[in-house]
Amino acid sequence: MENNLNFSAIELYSRKALNPFLEKYFKGDKVTGQEILLLSPIEQVNLFIIQQLFAKWHEENSKLKSPFFDYKNANVQEALKAFMAKLSQHILVSKEDLTPLVLQAISNAIFYVMAPVQYLEQKYFQSEKKYSSEELKNLFKYLKAHPKLAIYLKEHSDEWGDKKGSELITLVKTEFGNNYNDIVVENNLAHLLNGVLPVNPSDFHYAEPSKNKSNTLTDNFQPEQLTINDLVVKEQKETPLNLHTKNKVVDIRSAMSINQKIMFTKSLFNGDNAAFENAMSLADSSDSYEKAVNLIIDHYSIRFNWEIDSLEVNELFDLIGRKFYPENFAQSVGI
């Protein structure tokens, strides 16, 4: 199901789970690095928080430049290295500063658990960048949720030094395939997330039709032979979405049918037409699908209490996705 991942559902769930997560696991005013490692029972979330902190640490270190001082001097570099190493042992983060890191960590953990190979390709490796063995070891130490994959990556980090990201992905796909996942790992994450905000692994995937069903007219008159997922996909195929969005969307509102506009306004914006119009303006003015989805989720999902498994939410984000990735999102609704 890896290619059927519903990224809008992941983003929406992550944002709805953020405050419950912080309320449950963040105690006191600030946390140390060691406390972050043990912040929650969801180890992969904790590790992705730490990874972001060290990325910021390296970013700040790289900014140490001056027209008056020679930062490239060997003695200065050695002193800086010792200083930064000592600083890394004294992490202290407030709740306010940790919040965006937690949000990203929850989203990344779900993505990685549900589709590890896709995650490595899209979020971990830069296609043309060459990675040293040391860089790979530092990257791989944050990946623990899939033990089999984690062991494989660790065992090959030395021999993979100086390879491009595209080459690394090819090696991983050769070993694990494009769609590697582990139902045990998925269910374990869902069990832990349920302690924060109830969810099912299937909520993060688009519904798929049963592979055992024929596509004849007769079957359409035998509902007892259809699964829930069959009915959901059948309903999605019969909506006006297919008639209005086969080509790339330029203006999201103009690609909607009148019925869709009424449905979205009523179901997702509680009849508030101004809120709906503003949301579509935000999406249309965004330069990427991720930014469009994040803006809409930030402004409206909590305000109007959206459900991550809502057909209306999925259809709206499919439509937005068609503006940026028309071919990918055409597949999600079976066009």
C-alpha atoms as a PDB file:
ATOM      1  CA  MET A   1       0.000   0.000   0.000  1.00  0.00           C
ATOM      2  CA  GLU A   2       3.070   2.279   0.045  1.00  0.00           C
ATOM      3  CA  ASN A   3       2.237   3.997  -3.252  1.00  0.00           C
ATOM      4  CA  ASN A   4      -1.265   4.647  -1.939  1.00  0.00           C
ATOM      5  CA  LEU A   5      -0.153   6.791   0.983  1.00  0.00           C
ATOM      6  CA  ASN A   6      -2.494   9.647   1.893  1.00  0.00           C
ATOM      7  CA  PHE A   7      -0.159  12.512   2.776  1.00  0.00           C
ATOM      8  CA  SER A   8      -2.953  14.944   3.586  1.00  0.00           C
ATOM      9  CA  ALA A   9      -4.280  12.490   6.181  1.00  0.00           C
ATOM     10  CA  ILE A  10      -0.807  12.216   7.719  1.00  0.00           C
ATOM     11  CA  GLU A  11      -0.477  16.003   7.942  1.00  0.00           C
ATOM     12  CA  LEU A  12      -3.965  16.435   9.342  1.00  0.00           C
ATOM     13  CA  TYR A  13      -3.532  13.737  11.968  1.00  0.00           C
ATOM     14  CA  SER A  14      -0.116  15.089  12.995  1.00  0.00           C
ATOM     15  CA  ARG A  15      -1.524  18.551  13.618  1.00  0.00           C
ATOM     16  CA  LYS A  16      -4.524  17.248  15.531  1.00  0.00           C
ATOM     17  CA  ALA A  17      -2.274  14.999  17.636  1.00  0.00           C
ATOM     18  CA  LEU A  18       0.283  17.734  18.378  1.00  0.00           C
ATOM     19  CA  ASN A  19      -1.351  19.353  21.418  1.00  0.00           C
ATOM     20  CA  PRO A  20      -2.480  16.042  23.001  1.00  0.00           C
ATOM     21  CA  PHE A  21       1.093  14.745  22.530  1.00  0.00           C
ATOM     22  CA  LEU A  22       2.643  17.783  24.216  1.00  0.00           C
ATOM     23  CA  GLU A  23       0.099  17.794  27.030  1.00  0.00           C
ATOM     24  CA  LYS A  24       0.716  14.139  27.744  1.00  0.00           C
ATOM     25  CA  TYR A  25       4.492  13.946  27.448  1.00  0.00           C
ATOM     26  CA  PHE A  26       5.988  17.430  27.928  1.00  0.00           C
ATOM     27  CA  LYS A  27       6.449  18.078  31.631  1.00  0.00           C
ATOM     28  CA  GLY A  28       7.977  21.225  33.106  1.00  0.00           C
ATOM     29  CA  ASP A  29       9.189  24.365  31.349  1.00  0.00           C
ATOM     30  CA  LYS A  30      12.104  22.955  29.361  1.00  0.00           C
ATOM     31  CA  VAL A  31      13.565  19.590  28.361  1.00  0.00           C
ATOM     32  CA  THR A  32      17.133  18.387  27.911  1.00  0.00           C
ATOM     33  CA  GLY A  33      18.440  16.235  25.092  1.00  0.00           C
ATOM     34  CA  GLN A  34      18.364  13.122  27.259  1.00  0.00           C
ATOM     35  CA  GLU A  35      14.782  13.851  28.255  1.00  0.00           C
ATOM     36  CA  ILE A  36      13.791  14.236  24.601  1.00  0.00           C
ATOM     37  CA  LEU A  37      15.184  10.777  23.850  1.00  0.00           C
ATOM     38  CA  LEU A  38      12.751   9.430  26.444  1.00  0.00           C
ATOM     39  CA  LEU A  39      10.032  12.006  25.839  1.00  0.00           C
ATOM     40  CA  SER A  40       7.379   9.523  24.697  1.00  0.00           C
ATOM     41  CA  PRO A  41       7.032   5.758  24.205  1.00  0.00           C
ATOM     42  CA  ILE A  42       7.147   6.416  20.437  1.00  0.00           C
ATOM     43  CA  GLU A  43      10.905   6.053  19.950  1.00  0.00           C
ATOM     44  CA  GLN A  44      10.882   7.052  16.280  1.00  0.00           C
ATOM     45  CA  VAL A  45       9.204  10.367  17.111  1.00  0.00           C
ATOM     46  CA  ASN A  46      11.772  11.073  19.829  1.00  0.00           C
ATOM     47  CA  LEU A  47      14.639  10.297  17.446  1.00  0.00           C
ATOM     48  CA  PHE A  48      13.286  12.527  14.704  1.00  0.00           C
ATOM     49  CA  ILE A  49      13.033  15.403  17.212  1.00  0.00           C
ATOM     50  CA  ILE A  50      16.694  14.921  18.141  1.00  0.00           C
ATOM     51  CA  GLN A  51      17.660  14.690  14.464  1.00  0.00           C
ATOM     52  CA  GLN A  52      16.092  18.078  13.781  1.00  0.00           C
ATOM     53  CA  LEU A  53      17.897  19.609  16.762  1.00  0.00           C
ATOM     54  CA  PHE A  54      21.259  18.408  15.510  1.00  0.00           C
ATOM     55  CA  ALA A  55      20.449  19.643  12.001  1.00  0.00           C
ATOM     56  CA  LYS A  56      19.880  23.098  13.510  1.00  0.00           C
ATOM     57  CA  TRP A  57      23.093  22.718  15.494  1.00  0.00           C
ATOM     58  CA  HIS A  58      25.068  22.076  12.294  1.00  0.00           C
ATOM     59  CA  GLU A  59      23.283  24.931  10.555  1.00  0.00           C
ATOM     60  CA  GLU A  60      24.273  27.375  13.291  1.00  0.00           C
ATOM     61  CA  ASN A  61      27.836  26.070  13.240  1.00  0.00           C
ATOM     62  CA  SER A  62      28.070  26.645   9.478  1.00  0.00           C
ATOM     63  CA  LYS A  63      27.086  30.302   9.951  1.00  0.00           C
ATOM     64  CA  LEU A  64      30.208  31.096  11.973  1.00  0.00           C
ATOM     65  CA  LYS A  65      31.914  33.382   9.453  1.00  0.00           C
ATOM     66  CA  SER A  66      33.509  36.776   9.826  1.00  0.00           C
ATOM     67  CA  PRO A  67      35.499  39.272   7.723  1.00  0.00           C
ATOM     68  CA  PHE A  68      37.655  39.988  10.787  1.00  0.00           C
ATOM     69  CA  PHE A  69      38.533  36.535  12.125  1.00  0.00           C
ATOM     70  CA  ASP A  70      40.055  33.466  10.504  1.00  0.00           C
ATOM     71  CA  TYR A  71      37.587  30.706  11.283  1.00  0.00           C
ATOM     72  CA  LYS A  72      39.406  28.383   8.868  1.00  0.00           C
ATOM     73  CA  ASN A  73      42.547  28.387  10.981  1.00  0.00           C
ATOM     74  CA  ALA A  74      43.324  24.835  12.148  1.00  0.00           C
ATOM     75  CA  ASN A  75      43.558  25.831  15.827  1.00  0.00           C
ATOM     76  CA  VAL A  76      40.275  27.747  15.619  1.00  0.00           C
ATOM     77  CA  GLN A  77      38.579  24.813  13.884  1.00  0.00           C
ATOM     78  CA  GLU A  78      39.775  22.443  16.585  1.00  0.00           C
ATOM     79  CA  ALA A  79      38.548  24.758  19.345  1.00  0.00           C
ATOM     80  CA  LEU A  80      35.196  25.197  17.597  1.00  0.00           C
ATOM     81  CA  LYS A  81      34.834  21.453  17.219  1.00  0.00           C
ATOM     82  CA  ALA A  82      35.411  20.957  20.944  1.00  0.00           C
ATOM     83  CA  PHE A  83      33.034  23.797  21.784  1.00  0.00           C
ATOM     84  CA  MET A  84      30.234  22.477  19.565  1.00  0.00           C
ATOM     85  CA  ALA A  85      30.715  18.960  20.910  1.00  0.00           C
ATOM     86  CA  LYS A  86      30.346  20.269  24.451  1.00  0.00           C
ATOM     87  CA  LEU A  87      27.348  22.394  23.440  1.00  0.00           C
ATOM     88  CA  SER A  88      25.612  19.359  21.926  1.00  0.00           C
ATOM     89  CA  GLN A  89      25.699  17.728  25.356  1.00  0.00           C
ATOM     90  CA  HIS A  90      23.753  20.612  26.886  1.00  0.00           C
ATOM     91  CA  ILE A  91      20.502  20.760  24.934  1.00  0.00           C
ATOM     92  CA  LEU A  92      17.765  22.724  26.675  1.00  0.00           C
ATOM     93  CA  VAL A  93      14.543  23.462  24.776  1.00  0.00           C
ATOM     94  CA  SER A  94      11.339  25.233  25.795  1.00  0.00           C
ATOM     95  CA  LYS A  95       7.908  23.871  24.920  1.00  0.00           C
ATOM     96  CA  GLU A  96       7.314  26.729  22.488  1.00  0.00           C
ATOM     97  CA  ASP A  97      10.540  26.052  20.591  1.00  0.00           C
ATOM     98  CA  LEU A  98      10.046  22.288  20.650  1.00  0.00           C
ATOM     99  CA  THR A  99       6.485  22.390  19.278  1.00  0.00           C
ATOM    100  CA  PRO A 100       7.293  22.712  15.534  1.00  0.00           C
ATOM    101  CA  LEU A 101       9.939  19.999  15.896  1.00  0.00           C
ATOM    102  CA  VAL A 102       7.408  17.648  17.491  1.00  0.00           C
ATOM    103  CA  LEU A 103       4.906  18.321  14.717  1.00  0.00           C
ATOM    104  CA  GLN A 104       7.442  17.474  12.033  1.00  0.00           C
ATOM    105  CA  ALA A 105       8.646  14.423  13.976  1.00  0.00           C
ATOM    106  CA  ILE A 106       5.144  12.956  14.274  1.00  0.00           C
ATOM    107  CA  SER A 107       4.531  13.453  10.547  1.00  0.00           C
ATOM    108  CA  ASN A 108       7.937  12.019   9.599  1.00  0.00           C
ATOM    109  CA  ALA A 109       7.512   9.021  11.898  1.00  0.00           C
ATOM    110  CA  ILE A 110       4.155   8.122  10.339  1.00  0.00           C
ATOM    111  CA  PHE A 111       5.531   8.555   6.805  1.00  0.00           C
ATOM    112  CA  TYR A 112       8.625   6.465   7.594  1.00  0.00           C
ATOM    113  CA  VAL A 113       6.713   3.662   9.287  1.00  0.00           C
ATOM    114  CA  MET A 114       4.063   3.440   6.557  1.00  0.00           C
ATOM    115  CA  ALA A 115       6.451   3.740   3.599  1.00  0.00           C
ATOM    116  CA  PRO A 116      10.130   3.499   4.599  1.00  0.00           C
ATOM    117  CA  VAL A 117      11.639   3.227   1.120  1.00  0.00           C
ATOM    118  CA  GLN A 118       9.544   6.105  -0.178  1.00  0.00           C
ATOM    119  CA  TYR A 119      10.536   8.137   2.889  1.00  0.00           C
ATOM    120  CA  LEU A 120      14.244   7.558   2.255  1.00  0.00           C
ATOM    121  CA  GLU A 121      13.857   8.585  -1.360  1.00  0.00           C
ATOM    122  CA  GLN A 122      11.779  11.709  -0.761  1.00  0.00           C
ATOM    123  CA  LYS A 123      12.964  13.022   2.600  1.00  0.00           C
ATOM    124  CA  TYR A 124      16.350  11.491   3.416  1.00  0.00           C
ATOM    125  CA  PHE A 125      18.578  11.328   0.358  1.00  0.00           C
ATOM    126  CA  GLN A 126      19.335  14.105  -2.098  1.00  0.00           C
ATOM    127  CA  SER A 127      19.536  12.477  -5.505  1.00  0.00           C
ATOM    128  CA  GLU A 128      22.796  14.078  -6.719  1.00  0.00           C
ATOM    129  CA  LYS A 129      24.552  14.522  -3.377  1.00  0.00           C
ATOM    130  CA  LYS A 130      27.443  12.196  -2.524  1.00  0.00           C
ATOM    131  CA  TYR A 131      27.455  10.858   1.034  1.00  0.00           C
ATOM    132  CA  SER A 132      30.490   9.902   3.063  1.00  0.00           C
ATOM    133  CA  SER A 133      30.387   6.848   5.307  1.00  0.00           C
ATOM    134  CA  GLU A 134      30.345   9.129   8.335  1.00  0.00           C
ATOM    135  CA  GLU A 135      27.374  11.078   7.001  1.00  0.00           C
ATOM    136  CA  LEU A 136      25.491   7.846   6.370  1.00  0.00           C
ATOM    137  CA  LYS A 137      26.179   6.563   9.872  1.00  0.00           C
ATOM    138  CA  ASN A 138      24.863   9.821  11.324  1.00  0.00           C
ATOM    139  CA  LEU A 139      21.735   9.605   9.161  1.00  0.00           C
ATOM    140  CA  PHE A 140      21.004   5.945   9.793  1.00  0.00           C
ATOM    141  CA  LYS A 141      21.290   6.141  13.583  1.00  0.00           C
ATOM    142  CA  TYR A 142      17.933   7.938  13.712  1.00  0.00           C
ATOM    143  CA  LEU A 143      16.066   5.138  11.899  1.00  0.00           C
ATOM    144  CA  LYS A 144      14.885   2.479  14.346  1.00  0.00           C
ATOM    145  CA  ALA A 145      11.213   1.727  13.632  1.00  0.00           C
ATOM    146  CA  HIS A 146      11.953  -0.882  10.928  1.00  0.00           C
ATOM    147  CA  PRO A 147      14.577  -3.170  12.532  1.00  0.00           C
ATOM    148  CA  LYS A 148      15.285  -5.218   9.386  1.00  0.00           C
ATOM    149  CA  LEU A 149      15.887  -2.087   7.312  1.00  0.00           C
ATOM    150  CA  ALA A 150      17.852  -0.397  10.117  1.00  0.00           C
ATOM    151  CA  ILE A 151      20.254  -3.346  10.372  1.00  0.00           C
ATOM    152  CA  TYR A 152      20.721  -3.444   6.600  1.00  0.00           C
ATOM    153  CA  LEU A 153      21.532   0.285   6.439  1.00  0.00           C
ATOM    154  CA  LYS A 154      23.957   0.083   9.355  1.00  0.00           C
ATOM    155  CA  GLU A 155      25.781  -2.916   7.891  1.00  0.00           C
ATOM    156  CA  HIS A 156      26.345  -1.184   4.555  1.00  0.00           C
ATOM    157  CA  SER A 157      27.184   2.361   5.662  1.00  0.00           C
ATOM    158  CA  ASP A 158      30.960   1.825   5.297  1.00  0.00           C
ATOM    159  CA  GLU A 159      30.880   0.344   1.794  1.00  0.00           C
ATOM    160  CA  TRP A 160      28.365   2.927   0.579  1.00  0.00           C
ATOM    161  CA  GLY A 161      30.644   5.895   1.249  1.00  0.00           C
ATOM    162  CA  ASP A 162      30.975   8.370  -1.647  1.00  0.00           C
ATOM    163  CA  LYS A 163      27.794   7.152  -3.391  1.00  0.00           C
ATOM    164  CA  LYS A 164      25.064   9.485  -4.633  1.00  0.00           C
ATOM    165  CA  GLY A 165      21.633   9.535  -3.049  1.00  0.00           C
ATOM    166  CA  SER A 166      20.106   8.101  -6.236  1.00  0.00           C
ATOM    167  CA  GLU A 167      22.545   5.172  -6.088  1.00  0.00           C
ATOM    168  CA  LEU A 168      21.709   4.510  -2.444  1.00  0.00           C
ATOM    169  CA  ILE A 169      17.983   4.406  -3.176  1.00  0.00           C
ATOM    170  CA  THR A 170      18.587   1.948  -6.016  1.00  0.00           C
ATOM    171  CA  LEU A 171      20.489  -0.338  -3.636  1.00  0.00           C
ATOM    172  CA  VAL A 172      17.726  -0.172  -1.019  1.00  0.00           C
ATOM    173  CA  LYS A 173      15.033  -0.853  -3.628  1.00  0.00           C
ATOM    174  CA  THR A 174      17.004  -3.797  -4.996  1.00  0.00           C
ATOM    175  CA  GLU A 175      17.060  -5.330  -1.517  1.00  0.00           C
ATOM    176  CA  PHE A 176      13.589  -4.387  -0.274  1.00  0.00           C
ATOM    177  CA  GLY A 177      11.564  -3.393  -3.330  1.00  0.00           C
ATOM    178  CA  ASN A 178       9.696  -0.139  -3.888  1.00  0.00           C
ATOM    179  CA  ASN A 179       6.854  -0.897  -1.502  1.00  0.00           C
ATOM    180  CA  TYR A 180       8.485  -2.452   1.547  1.00  0.00           C
ATOM    181  CA  ASN A 181       6.569  -2.152   4.797  1.00  0.00           C
ATOM    182  CA  ASP A 182       5.880  -4.226   7.892  1.00  0.00           C
ATOM    183  CA  ILE A 183       2.366  -4.622   9.246  1.00  0.00           C
ATOM    184  CA  VAL A 184       3.704  -5.364  12.733  1.00  0.00           C
ATOM    185  CA  VAL A 185       5.620  -2.072  12.778  1.00  0.00           C
ATOM    186  CA  GLU A 186       2.560  -0.216  11.438  1.00  0.00           C
ATOM    187  CA  ASN A 187       0.272  -1.700  14.074  1.00  0.00           C
ATOM    188  CA  ASN A 188       2.764  -0.956  16.838  1.00  0.00           C
ATOM    189  CA  LEU A 189       2.923   2.710  15.823  1.00  0.00           C
ATOM    190  CA  ALA A 190      -0.868   2.899  15.653  1.00  0.00           C
ATOM    191  CA  HIS A 191      -1.117   1.341  19.114  1.00  0.00           C
ATOM    192  CA  LEU A 192       1.255   3.963  20.543  1.00  0.00           C
ATOM    193  CA  LEU A 193      -0.441   6.825  18.689  1.00  0.00           C
ATOM    194  CA  ASN A 194      -3.792   5.682  20.043  1.00  0.00           C
ATOM    195  CA  GLY A 195      -2.507   6.732  23.445  1.00  0.00           C
ATOM    196  CA  VAL A 196      -2.394  10.276  22.049  1.00  0.00           C
ATOM    197  CA  LEU A 197      -5.204  10.424  19.488  1.00  0.00           C
ATOM    198  CA  PRO A 198      -7.115   7.378  18.142  1.00  0.00           C
ATOM    199  CA  VAL A 199      -6.092   6.257  14.661  1.00  0.00           C
ATOM    200  CA  ASN A 200      -5.949   3.183  12.454  1.00  0.00           C
ATOM    201  CA  PRO A 201      -3.105   2.463   9.968  1.00  0.00           C
ATOM    202  CA  SER A 202      -5.663   2.341   7.155  1.00  0.00           C
ATOM    203  CA  ASP A 203      -6.486   6.015   7.871  1.00  0.00           C
ATOM    204  CA  PHE A 204      -3.157   6.926   6.279  1.00  0.00           C
ATOM    205  CA  HIS A 205      -3.906   5.167   2.984  1.00  0.00           C
ATOM    206  CA  TYR A 206      -6.420   5.783   0.261  1.00  0.00           C
ATOM    207  CA  ALA A 207      -9.126   3.110   0.117  1.00  0.00           C
ATOM    208  CA  GLU A 208      -8.515   0.423  -2.499  1.00  0.00           C
ATOM    209  CA  PRO A 209     -11.045  -1.787  -4.254  1.00  0.00           C
ATOM    210  CA  SER A 210     -11.043  -5.498  -3.510  1.00  0.00           C
ATOM    211  CA  LYS A 211      -8.748  -7.307  -5.954  1.00  0.00           C
ATOM    212  CA  ASN A 212     -11.084 -10.290  -6.064  1.00  0.00           C
ATOM    213  CA  LYS A 213     -14.056  -8.451  -7.507  1.00  0.00           C
ATOM    214  CA  SER A 214     -14.870  -8.336 -11.206  1.00  0.00           C
ATOM    215  CA  ASN A 215     -15.912  -5.095 -12.800  1.00  0.00           C
ATOM    216  CA  THR A 216     -19.133  -6.311 -14.415  1.00  0.00           C
ATOM    217  CA  LEU A 217     -22.502  -4.593 -14.329  1.00  0.00           C
ATOM    218  CA  THR A 218     -23.918  -7.602 -12.488  1.00  0.00           C
ATOM    219  CA  ASP A 219     -21.595  -7.045  -9.534  1.00  0.00           C
ATOM    220  CA  ASN A 220     -22.950  -3.534  -9.124  1.00  0.00           C
ATOM    221  CA  PHE A 221     -26.315  -5.042  -8.303  1.00  0.00           C
ATOM    222  CA  GLN A 222     -24.891  -7.372  -5.636  1.00  0.00           C
ATOM    223  CA  PRO A 223     -23.915  -5.071  -2.747  1.00  0.00           C
ATOM    224  CA  GLU A 224     -23.509  -8.007  -0.378  1.00  0.00           C
ATOM    225  CA  GLN A 225     -20.378  -8.959  -2.366  1.00  0.00           C
ATOM    226  CA  LEU A 226     -18.747  -5.557  -1.948  1.00  0.00           C
ATOM    227  CA  THR A 227     -16.452  -4.486   0.855  1.00  0.00           C
ATOM    228  CA  ILE A 228     -16.619  -1.072   2.520  1.00  0.00           C
ATOM    229  CA  ASN A 229     -13.520  -0.038   0.607  1.00  0.00           C
ATOM    230  CA  ASP A 230     -15.169  -1.082  -2.671  1.00  0.00           C
ATOM    231  CA  LEU A 231     -18.120   1.167  -1.911  1.00  0.00           C
ATOM    232  CA  VAL A 232     -15.866   4.083  -0.956  1.00  0.00           C
ATOM    233  CA  VAL A 233     -13.829   3.840  -4.153  1.00  0.00           C
ATOM    234  CA  LYS A 234     -16.999   3.366  -6.231  1.00  0.00           C
ATOM    235  CA  GLU A 235     -18.432   6.526  -4.697  1.00  0.00           C
ATOM    236  CA  GLN A 236     -15.212   8.433  -5.350  1.00  0.00           C
ATOM    237  CA  LYS A 237     -15.210   7.331  -9.004  1.00  0.00           C
ATOM    238  CA  GLU A 238     -18.774   8.493  -9.457  1.00  0.00           C
ATOM    239  CA  THR A 239     -18.249  11.988  -8.048  1.00  0.00           C
ATOM    240  CA  PRO A 240     -17.915  14.999 -10.389  1.00  0.00           C
ATOM    241  CA  LEU A 241     -14.212  15.102  -9.416  1.00  0.00           C
ATOM    242  CA  ASN A 242     -13.326  12.834 -12.329  1.00  0.00           C
ATOM    243  CA  LEU A 243     -15.210  14.999 -14.816  1.00  0.00           C
ATOM    244  CA  HIS A 244     -13.633  18.271 -13.712  1.00  0.00           C
ATOM    245  CA  THR A 245     -10.017  17.422 -12.865  1.00  0.00           C
ATOM    246  CA  LYS A 246      -8.549  15.106 -15.488  1.00  0.00           C
ATOM    247  CA  ASN A 247      -6.133  17.837 -16.536  1.00  0.00           C
ATOM    248  CA  LYS A 248      -3.848  19.917 -14.367  1.00  0.00           C
ATOM    249  CA  VAL A 249      -5.787  22.385 -12.245  1.00  0.00           C
ATOM    250  CA  VAL A 250      -4.788  26.046 -12.608  1.00  0.00           C
ATOM    251  CA  ASP A 251      -7.464  27.620 -10.428  1.00  0.00           C
ATOM    252  CA  ILE A 252      -8.867  25.218  -7.831  1.00  0.00           C
ATOM    253  CA  ARG A 253     -12.311  26.781  -7.556  1.00  0.00           C
ATOM    254  CA  SER A 254     -12.854  26.805 -11.323  1.00  0.00           C
ATOM    255  CA  ALA A 255     -12.099  23.065 -11.393  1.00  0.00           C
ATOM    256  CA  MET A 256     -14.896  22.322  -8.914  1.00  0.00           C
ATOM    257  CA  SER A 257     -18.460  21.533  -9.823  1.00  0.00           C
ATOM    258  CA  ILE A 258     -21.229  23.501  -8.138  1.00  0.00           C
ATOM    259  CA  ASN A 259     -22.074  20.424  -6.096  1.00  0.00           C
ATOM    260  CA  GLN A 260     -18.485  20.139  -4.888  1.00  0.00           C
ATOM    261  CA  LYS A 261     -18.402  23.776  -3.795  1.00  0.00           C
ATOM    262  CA  ILE A 262     -21.627  23.297  -1.855  1.00  0.00           C
ATOM    263  CA  MET A 263     -20.351  20.046  -0.323  1.00  0.00           C
ATOM    264  CA  PHE A 264     -16.987  21.497   0.755  1.00  0.00           C
ATOM    265  CA  THR A 265     -18.545  24.681   2.136  1.00  0.00           C
ATOM    266  CA  LYS A 266     -21.201  22.796   4.078  1.00  0.00           C
ATOM    267  CA  SER A 267     -19.212  19.769   5.271  1.00  0.00           C
ATOM    268  CA  LEU A 268     -15.767  21.268   5.876  1.00  0.00           C
ATOM    269  CA  PHE A 269     -16.463  24.944   6.617  1.00  0.00           C
ATOM    270  CA  ASN A 270     -19.796  24.716   8.429  1.00  0.00           C
ATOM    271  CA  GLY A 271     -21.473  26.785   5.711  1.00  0.00           C
ATOM    272  CA  ASP A 272     -18.985  29.655   6.077  1.00  0.00           C
ATOM    273  CA  ASN A 273     -18.525  30.668   2.439  1.00  0.00           C
ATOM    274  CA  ALA A 274     -15.932  33.351   3.285  1.00  0.00           C
ATOM    275  CA  ALA A 275     -13.771  30.768   5.075  1.00  0.00           C
ATOM    276  CA  PHE A 276     -14.042  28.428   2.093  1.00  0.00           C
ATOM    277  CA  GLU A 277     -13.067  31.184  -0.352  1.00  0.00           C
ATOM    278  CA  ASN A 278     -10.116  32.228   1.803  1.00  0.00           C
ATOM    279  CA  ALA A 279      -8.937  28.621   2.064  1.00  0.00           C
ATOM    280  CA  MET A 280      -9.000  28.191  -1.711  1.00  0.00           C
ATOM    281  CA  SER A 281      -7.119  31.473  -2.141  1.00  0.00           C
ATOM    282  CA  LEU A 282      -4.432  30.195   0.229  1.00  0.00           C
ATOM    283  CA  ALA A 283      -4.138  26.974  -1.757  1.00  0.00           C
ATOM    284  CA  ASP A 284      -4.035  28.728  -5.130  1.00  0.00           C
ATOM    285  CA  SER A 285      -1.343  31.172  -3.992  1.00  0.00           C
ATOM    286  CA  SER A 286       0.913  28.410  -2.624  1.00  0.00           C
ATOM    287  CA  ASP A 287       3.892  27.239  -4.651  1.00  0.00           C
ATOM    288  CA  SER A 288       3.721  23.586  -3.571  1.00  0.00           C
ATOM    289  CA  TYR A 289       1.188  20.978  -2.528  1.00  0.00           C
ATOM    290  CA  GLU A 290       2.823  20.653   0.891  1.00  0.00           C
ATOM    291  CA  LYS A 291       2.532  24.388   1.591  1.00  0.00           C
ATOM    292  CA  ALA A 292      -1.067  24.493   0.381  1.00  0.00           C
ATOM    293  CA  VAL A 293      -2.106  21.557   2.559  1.00  0.00           C
ATOM    294  CA  ASN A 294      -0.223  22.828   5.597  1.00  0.00           C
ATOM    295  CA  LEU A 295      -1.756  26.300   5.341  1.00  0.00           C
ATOM    296  CA  ILE A 296      -5.286  24.962   5.067  1.00  0.00           C
ATOM    297  CA  ILE A 297      -4.787  22.457   7.875  1.00  0.00           C
ATOM    298  CA  ASP A 298      -3.241  25.152  10.091  1.00  0.00           C
ATOM    299  CA  HIS A 299      -6.087  27.597   9.568  1.00  0.00           C
ATOM    300  CA  TYR A 300      -9.162  25.412   9.308  1.00  0.00           C
ATOM    301  CA  SER A 301      -8.796  21.762  10.424  1.00  0.00           C
ATOM    302  CA  ILE A 302      -8.987  22.411  14.165  1.00  0.00           C
ATOM    303  CA  ARG A 303     -11.385  25.338  13.781  1.00  0.00           C
ATOM    304  CA  PHE A 304     -13.930  23.190  11.941  1.00  0.00           C
ATOM    305  CA  ASN A 305     -12.988  19.858  13.568  1.00  0.00           C
ATOM    306  CA  TRP A 306     -12.091  17.924  10.412  1.00  0.00           C
ATOM    307  CA  GLU A 307     -11.826  14.133  10.538  1.00  0.00           C
ATOM    308  CA  ILE A 308      -8.767  12.588   8.874  1.00  0.00           C
ATOM    309  CA  ASP A 309     -10.793   9.776   7.300  1.00  0.00           C
ATOM    310  CA  SER A 310     -13.462  12.105   5.907  1.00  0.00           C
ATOM    311  CA  LEU A 311     -14.204  11.609   2.208  1.00  0.00           C
ATOM    312  CA  GLU A 312     -14.693  15.351   1.886  1.00  0.00           C
ATOM    313  CA  VAL A 313     -11.224  16.105   3.289  1.00  0.00           C
ATOM    314  CA  ASN A 314      -9.607  13.539   1.005  1.00  0.00           C
ATOM    315  CA  GLU A 315     -11.490  14.813  -2.045  1.00  0.00           C
ATOM    316  CA  LEU A 316     -10.526  18.414  -1.327  1.00  0.00           C
ATOM    317  CA  PHE A 317      -6.834  17.540  -0.955  1.00  0.00           C
ATOM    318  CA  ASP A 318      -6.971  15.349  -4.048  1.00  0.00           C
ATOM    319  CA  LEU A 319      -8.272  18.339  -5.956  1.00  0.00           C
ATOM    320  CA  ILE A 320      -5.528  20.575  -4.565  1.00  0.00           C
ATOM    321  CA  GLY A 321      -2.980  17.879  -5.366  1.00  0.00           C
ATOM    322  CA  ARG A 322      -4.104  17.909  -8.974  1.00  0.00           C
ATOM    323  CA  LYS A 323      -2.849  21.507  -9.215  1.00  0.00           C
ATOM    324  CA  PHE A 324       0.702  20.382  -8.401  1.00  0.00           C
ATOM    325  CA  TYR A 325       0.870  16.643  -9.229  1.00  0.00           C
ATOM    326  CA  PRO A 326      -1.912  15.912 -11.737  1.00  0.00           C
ATOM    327  CA  GLU A 327      -0.703  12.420 -12.666  1.00  0.00           C
ATOM    328  CA  ASN A 328      -0.177  11.197  -9.100  1.00  0.00           C
ATOM    329  CA  PHE A 329      -3.501  12.433  -7.839  1.00  0.00           C
ATOM    330  CA  ALA A 330      -5.350  11.089 -10.847  1.00  0.00           C
ATOM    331  CA  GLN A 331      -4.331   7.615  -9.679  1.00  0.00           C
ATOM    332  CA  SER A 332      -5.638   8.182  -6.163  1.00  0.00           C
ATOM    333  CA  VAL A 333      -9.225   8.300  -7.361  1.00  0.00           C
ATOM    334  CA  GLY A 334      -8.847   5.796 -10.143  1.00  0.00           C
ATOM    335  CA  ILE A 335      -8.911   7.977 -13.257  1.00  0.00           C
END
